[in-house]
Protein backbone atom coordinates (compact mmCIF):
# COMPACT_ATOMS: atom_id res chain seq x y z
CA MET A 1 30.30 -3.75 -1.55
CA PHE A 2 27.35 -5.53 -3.14
CA ASN A 3 26.41 -3.36 -6.10
CA LYS A 4 23.86 -5.31 -8.15
CA LEU A 5 20.51 -3.81 -9.16
CA LEU A 6 17.78 -5.83 -10.85
CA ILE A 7 15.03 -3.99 -12.73
CA ILE A 8 11.73 -5.60 -13.70
CA SER A 9 9.73 -3.27 -15.90
CA GLY A 10 7.01 -3.51 -18.51
CA PRO A 11 3.51 -2.25 -19.27
CA THR A 12 0.64 -2.53 -16.85
CA ALA A 13 -0.97 -5.95 -16.32
CA THR A 14 2.08 -8.00 -17.21
CA GLY A 15 2.48 -9.47 -13.70
CA LYS A 16 5.68 -7.67 -12.75
CA THR A 17 5.09 -7.70 -8.98
CA ASP A 18 4.21 -11.43 -8.83
CA LEU A 19 7.37 -12.24 -10.71
CA ALA A 20 9.47 -9.88 -8.60
CA VAL A 21 8.22 -11.52 -5.36
CA LYS A 22 9.33 -14.95 -6.62
CA ILE A 23 12.72 -13.61 -7.62
CA ALA A 24 13.16 -11.80 -4.28
CA LYS A 25 12.64 -15.06 -2.40
CA LYS A 26 15.10 -16.93 -4.56
CA TYR A 27 17.85 -14.32 -4.63
CA ASN A 28 17.55 -12.71 -1.18
CA GLY A 29 16.06 -9.52 -2.57
CA GLU A 30 13.89 -6.58 -1.54
CA LEU A 31 11.43 -4.82 -3.79
CA VAL A 32 11.47 -1.09 -4.60
CA SER A 33 8.37 0.26 -6.33
CA GLY A 34 8.90 2.25 -9.53
CA ASP A 35 5.24 3.12 -9.90
CA SER A 36 4.23 6.78 -9.93
CA CYS A 37 0.66 5.98 -8.79
CA GLN A 38 1.36 3.69 -5.85
CA ILE A 39 3.20 6.38 -3.88
CA TYR A 40 -0.13 7.73 -2.58
CA LYS A 41 -1.58 6.61 0.74
CA GLY A 42 -5.19 5.44 0.75
CA MET A 43 -5.29 4.92 -3.02
CA ASP A 44 -4.99 1.19 -2.93
CA ILE A 45 -7.66 -0.38 -5.10
CA GLY A 46 -7.51 2.11 -7.98
CA THR A 47 -3.73 1.82 -8.26
CA GLY A 48 -3.68 -1.96 -7.93
CA LYS A 49 -1.36 -2.14 -4.95
CA ASP A 50 -0.17 -5.62 -4.21
CA GLN A 51 1.65 -5.74 -0.88
CA PRO A 52 2.68 -9.37 -0.23
CA GLU A 53 3.19 -9.81 3.51
CA GLU A 54 6.27 -11.99 3.05
CA THR A 55 7.98 -9.49 0.72
CA PRO A 56 7.31 -5.84 1.61
CA ILE A 57 7.72 -3.25 -1.11
CA HIS A 58 9.61 -0.02 -0.51
CA LEU A 59 8.32 3.36 -1.74
CA ILE A 60 4.62 2.51 -1.60
CA ASP A 61 2.37 4.78 0.55
CA ILE A 62 4.96 7.51 1.07
CA ILE A 63 2.78 10.63 0.51
CA THR A 64 -0.85 11.70 0.76
CA PRO A 65 -2.99 12.38 -2.38
CA ASP A 66 -2.79 16.15 -1.88
CA GLN A 67 0.99 16.26 -1.89
CA LYS A 68 3.21 16.95 -4.92
CA PHE A 69 5.93 14.47 -5.82
CA SER A 70 8.25 14.90 -8.79
CA VAL A 71 10.58 12.52 -10.63
CA ALA A 72 13.42 14.31 -8.86
CA ASP A 73 11.82 13.48 -5.50
CA PHE A 74 11.55 9.87 -6.48
CA GLN A 75 15.15 9.86 -7.71
CA LYS A 76 16.38 10.92 -4.26
CA VAL A 77 14.42 8.42 -2.20
CA ALA A 78 14.95 5.57 -4.66
CA GLN A 79 18.73 6.04 -4.73
CA LYS A 80 18.85 6.11 -0.94
CA THR A 81 16.64 3.03 -0.58
CA ILE A 82 18.62 1.02 -3.17
CA LYS A 83 21.90 1.81 -1.44
CA GLU A 84 20.48 0.82 1.96
CA ILE A 85 19.32 -2.53 0.56
CA GLN A 86 22.75 -3.13 -1.00
CA SER A 87 24.47 -2.26 2.29
CA ARG A 88 22.59 -5.17 3.87
CA GLY A 89 24.01 -7.51 1.25
CA LYS A 90 20.61 -7.98 -0.38
CA LEU A 91 19.48 -7.59 -3.98
CA PRO A 92 17.41 -4.46 -4.71
CA ILE A 93 14.71 -5.16 -7.29
CA LEU A 94 13.23 -2.02 -8.85
CA VAL A 95 9.84 -3.01 -10.24
CA GLY A 96 7.27 -0.84 -12.01
CA CYS A 97 5.86 0.59 -15.21
CA SER A 98 6.74 4.28 -14.79
CA GLY A 99 9.44 4.86 -17.39
CA PHE A 100 10.49 8.28 -16.13
CA TYR A 101 10.88 6.93 -12.57
CA ILE A 102 13.03 4.00 -13.66
CA ASP A 103 15.09 6.16 -16.00
CA SER A 104 15.83 8.59 -13.20
CA VAL A 105 17.46 5.85 -11.19
CA ILE A 106 19.56 4.13 -13.85
CA ASN A 107 20.54 7.08 -16.04
CA PRO A 108 23.47 9.01 -14.45
CA ASN A 109 22.84 11.93 -16.80
CA TYR A 110 19.25 12.34 -15.72
CA ASN A 111 19.29 16.03 -14.95
CA THR A 112 16.66 17.40 -12.60
CA PHE A 113 18.38 18.19 -9.29
CA SER A 114 20.31 21.10 -10.72
CA ILE A 115 17.22 22.69 -12.24
CA LYS A 116 15.59 24.67 -9.47
CA PRO A 117 11.92 25.75 -9.54
CA ASN A 118 11.54 29.07 -11.32
CA LYS A 119 8.99 31.17 -9.45
CA PHE A 120 8.22 33.48 -12.35
CA LEU A 121 7.69 30.61 -14.77
CA ARG A 122 5.55 28.76 -12.20
CA PHE A 123 3.43 31.90 -11.75
CA ILE A 124 2.78 32.00 -15.51
CA LEU A 125 2.17 28.24 -15.89
CA ASN A 126 -0.22 28.16 -12.95
CA ARG A 127 -2.56 30.44 -14.90
CA PHE A 128 -2.81 27.92 -17.75
CA SER A 129 -5.11 24.94 -18.02
CA VAL A 130 -3.85 21.38 -18.24
CA LYS A 131 -4.83 21.38 -21.94
CA THR A 132 -2.62 24.42 -22.57
CA LEU A 133 0.28 22.90 -20.69
CA GLN A 134 -0.09 19.75 -22.80
CA LYS A 135 0.21 21.81 -25.98
CA ILE A 136 3.29 23.65 -24.64
CA TYR A 137 5.09 20.48 -23.58
CA LYS A 138 4.17 18.72 -26.81
CA PHE A 139 5.73 21.59 -28.75
CA LEU A 140 8.87 21.59 -26.60
CA ASP A 141 9.40 17.83 -26.41
CA PRO A 142 7.12 15.86 -28.77
CA LEU A 143 8.98 12.58 -28.28
CA ASN A 144 8.68 12.45 -24.51
CA PHE A 145 5.18 13.90 -24.64
CA SER A 146 4.07 10.90 -26.69
CA LYS A 147 5.35 8.58 -23.93
CA LEU A 148 3.54 10.20 -20.99
CA ASN A 149 1.03 7.98 -19.22
CA HIS A 150 -2.57 9.09 -18.52
CA SER A 151 -1.75 10.33 -15.02
CA ASP A 152 1.26 12.42 -16.01
CA ILE A 153 -0.43 13.92 -19.07
CA ASN A 154 -3.31 15.16 -16.91
CA ASN A 155 -1.26 16.31 -13.94
CA HIS A 156 -0.80 20.09 -13.86
CA TYR A 157 2.19 20.02 -11.50
CA ARG A 158 4.08 17.31 -13.40
CA LEU A 159 3.50 19.01 -16.75
CA SER A 160 4.71 22.31 -15.35
CA ARG A 161 7.84 20.66 -14.03
CA LYS A 162 8.58 18.93 -17.32
CA ILE A 163 8.22 22.23 -19.16
CA GLU A 164 10.52 23.87 -16.61
CA ILE A 165 13.16 21.16 -17.03
CA LYS A 166 12.96 21.31 -20.81
CA LEU A 167 13.33 25.08 -20.87
CA PHE A 168 16.26 25.28 -18.48
CA SER A 169 18.11 21.99 -18.99
CA LYS A 170 20.51 23.56 -21.50
CA ASN A 171 21.61 26.22 -19.04
CA VAL A 172 22.96 23.90 -16.34
CA GLU A 173 25.65 21.28 -16.11
CA ASN A 174 24.63 17.63 -16.01
CA CYS A 175 24.02 16.44 -12.49
CA LYS A 176 25.66 13.04 -12.66
CA LEU A 177 24.63 10.60 -9.97
CA LYS A 178 27.06 8.08 -8.58
CA ILE A 179 25.44 5.02 -10.11
CA GLU A 180 27.94 4.27 -12.84
CA ASN A 181 29.30 1.32 -10.88
CA PHE A 182 25.93 -0.37 -10.43
CA ASP A 183 25.84 -3.79 -12.01
CA ILE A 184 22.38 -3.53 -13.63
CA LEU A 185 20.23 -6.21 -15.22
CA HIS A 186 17.07 -4.76 -16.77
CA ILE A 187 14.34 -7.24 -17.60
CA SER A 188 11.14 -6.01 -19.25
CA LEU A 189 7.97 -8.07 -19.60
CA THR A 190 5.96 -7.86 -22.83
CA ALA A 191 2.78 -9.27 -24.31
CA PRO A 192 0.57 -8.70 -27.37
CA LEU A 193 -1.60 -5.66 -26.82
CA ASP A 194 -4.86 -7.60 -27.28
CA PHE A 195 -3.79 -9.91 -24.47
CA LEU A 196 -3.00 -6.92 -22.23
CA TYR A 197 -6.33 -5.27 -23.05
CA GLN A 198 -8.23 -8.37 -21.94
CA ARG A 199 -6.26 -8.50 -18.68
CA ILE A 200 -6.85 -4.80 -18.05
CA ASP A 201 -10.62 -5.08 -18.61
CA LEU A 202 -10.84 -8.02 -16.20
CA ARG A 203 -8.79 -6.11 -13.64
CA VAL A 204 -11.02 -3.04 -13.88
CA GLN A 205 -14.06 -5.17 -13.10
CA LYS A 206 -12.25 -6.92 -10.25
CA ARG A 207 -11.34 -3.58 -8.68
CA MET A 208 -14.98 -2.55 -8.84
CA ASP A 209 -15.98 -5.83 -7.20
CA ILE A 210 -13.68 -5.31 -4.24
CA GLY A 211 -14.94 -1.82 -3.39
CA PHE A 212 -13.33 0.83 -5.58
CA LEU A 213 -16.37 3.14 -5.37
CA ASP A 214 -16.19 3.05 -1.57
CA GLU A 215 -12.50 3.88 -1.72
CA ILE A 216 -13.24 6.99 -3.77
CA LYS A 217 -16.01 8.04 -1.38
CA THR A 218 -13.57 7.75 1.55
CA LEU A 219 -10.91 9.79 -0.31
CA LEU A 220 -13.39 12.56 -1.15
CA LYS A 221 -14.02 13.12 2.57
CA LYS A 222 -10.43 14.40 2.88
CA TYR A 223 -9.26 15.34 -0.62
CA LYS A 224 -10.39 17.27 -3.69
CA TRP A 225 -10.70 16.16 -7.31
CA SER A 226 -7.97 18.71 -8.16
CA ASP A 227 -5.38 17.08 -5.85
CA PRO A 228 -2.38 15.44 -7.57
CA GLY A 229 -3.30 11.88 -6.59
CA MET A 230 -6.82 12.26 -7.94
CA GLN A 231 -5.41 12.79 -11.45
CA ILE A 232 -4.63 9.07 -11.68
CA ALA A 233 -6.68 7.55 -14.50
CA ALA A 234 -8.78 5.22 -12.38
CA TYR A 235 -10.01 8.08 -10.15
CA LYS A 236 -10.28 10.78 -12.80
CA CYS A 237 -12.34 8.55 -15.11
CA LEU A 238 -14.90 7.96 -12.32
CA LYS A 239 -15.15 11.67 -11.51
CA PRO A 240 -18.08 12.31 -13.97
CA TYR A 241 -20.03 9.50 -12.28
CA PHE A 242 -19.68 11.07 -8.85
CA GLN A 243 -20.66 14.46 -10.27
CA ASN A 244 -23.74 12.94 -11.95
CA LYS A 245 -22.43 13.88 -15.39
CA ASN A 246 -22.13 10.36 -16.79
CA ASN A 247 -23.26 6.85 -16.00
CA LEU A 248 -21.09 4.22 -14.39
CA GLU A 249 -20.83 1.99 -17.45
CA ASN A 250 -19.44 4.79 -19.63
CA CYS A 251 -16.99 5.84 -16.94
CA LEU A 252 -15.70 2.26 -16.56
CA GLN A 253 -15.24 2.12 -20.33
CA LEU A 254 -13.22 5.36 -20.24
CA TRP A 255 -11.11 3.89 -17.46
CA SER A 256 -10.37 0.75 -19.50
CA TYR A 257 -9.48 2.83 -22.54
CA ALA A 258 -7.12 4.99 -20.46
CA GLU A 259 -5.39 1.88 -19.15
CA HIS A 260 -5.13 0.53 -22.73
CA SER A 261 -3.48 3.79 -23.77
CA ASP A 262 -1.03 3.59 -20.87
CA ALA A 263 -0.11 0.04 -21.85
CA ARG A 264 0.72 1.16 -25.38
CA ARG A 265 2.78 4.10 -24.21
CA GLN A 266 4.67 2.01 -21.65
CA SER A 267 5.40 -0.67 -24.23
CA CYS A 268 6.86 1.93 -26.60
CA TRP A 269 8.88 3.51 -23.81
CA PHE A 270 10.67 0.40 -22.65
CA LYS A 271 11.29 -0.80 -26.21
CA SER A 272 13.10 2.46 -26.85
CA ARG A 273 15.51 1.99 -23.90
CA PRO A 274 19.01 0.51 -24.30
CA ASN A 275 20.34 -2.60 -22.60
CA VAL A 276 16.98 -4.18 -21.86
CA TYR A 277 16.15 -7.88 -22.12
CA PHE A 278 12.54 -8.57 -23.16
CA PHE A 279 10.44 -11.60 -22.26
CA ASP A 280 6.97 -12.29 -23.65
CA ILE A 281 4.74 -13.51 -20.81
CA THR A 282 2.53 -15.44 -23.26
CA LYS A 283 5.43 -17.75 -24.13
CA LYS A 284 5.57 -21.12 -22.40
CA ASP A 285 9.00 -20.96 -20.71
CA PHE A 286 9.33 -17.24 -20.10
CA GLN A 287 9.83 -17.54 -16.32
CA LYS A 288 12.39 -20.31 -16.76
CA ASN A 289 14.28 -18.19 -19.26
CA ILE A 290 14.19 -15.18 -16.96
CA ASN A 291 15.54 -17.22 -14.05
CA SER A 292 18.34 -18.51 -16.23
CA LYS A 293 19.27 -14.96 -17.23
CA ILE A 294 19.19 -13.71 -13.64
CA THR A 295 21.20 -16.65 -12.28
CA LYS A 296 23.93 -16.11 -14.83
CA TRP A 297 24.12 -12.39 -14.02
CA TYR A 298 23.73 -12.79 -10.24
CA THR A 299 26.52 -15.36 -9.88
CA LYS A 300 28.94 -13.41 -12.03
CA SER A 301 31.52 -11.68 -9.88
């Protein structure tokens, strides 16, 4: 059975999706999103969804903004989707910037399924603010806390779940997934931070130009600011503007800064992972070098 899995990761604004589309066309592939923000329906502009018609992307628009979705949930659907793509003799290409999501797919020791929700702990944690949960998780797991993106670090449900996993992970056996036989090539795109910051700032303005404020207005007709999807940086940073607590210019600046912070965290995350090949997108022949690497791996039996 065809068992190859290509991963294209990297911080935001490195052009992962554009590259993945080109690779999918060349190597008979299908894209699987590894982005924790693009799972939400109706949140298109703020999350930068790019759905090329010729190459559909799996695991985009799978839940509504008021629904909860954990890393364990993603792990289940991603594993199933990847296996279905492989069964068709096609190359699954997992593309995204959410480190926890990607890790959950490629790390057979990623242990979340066997840790069931603890009702008593949830009752206690639900009484705490996001700020308090941040302090608790930072105390329990300072290394992984430092790698959380803006959305996760401000998401009450996800913080609670991470605390739960950290507290109970030592009391359960590892839940090994049957992915040890995957032939994985992990490519991660990089760039100098100043370069990424410029791209991010231009992208923020572009999203405003194509109607981001109208998208938020539409969402607020059905959903609340406290819903999980509305904790995504782009939306949360505009919240003070809609509540007449800050002007638009300041809110856009906060949004840009949040994206800058995410880019730094994501860069650190992927650089800390084993068996990853890094390519700087500011270098002249980076795409040529990536294609050479993929071809050598893809044609190897």
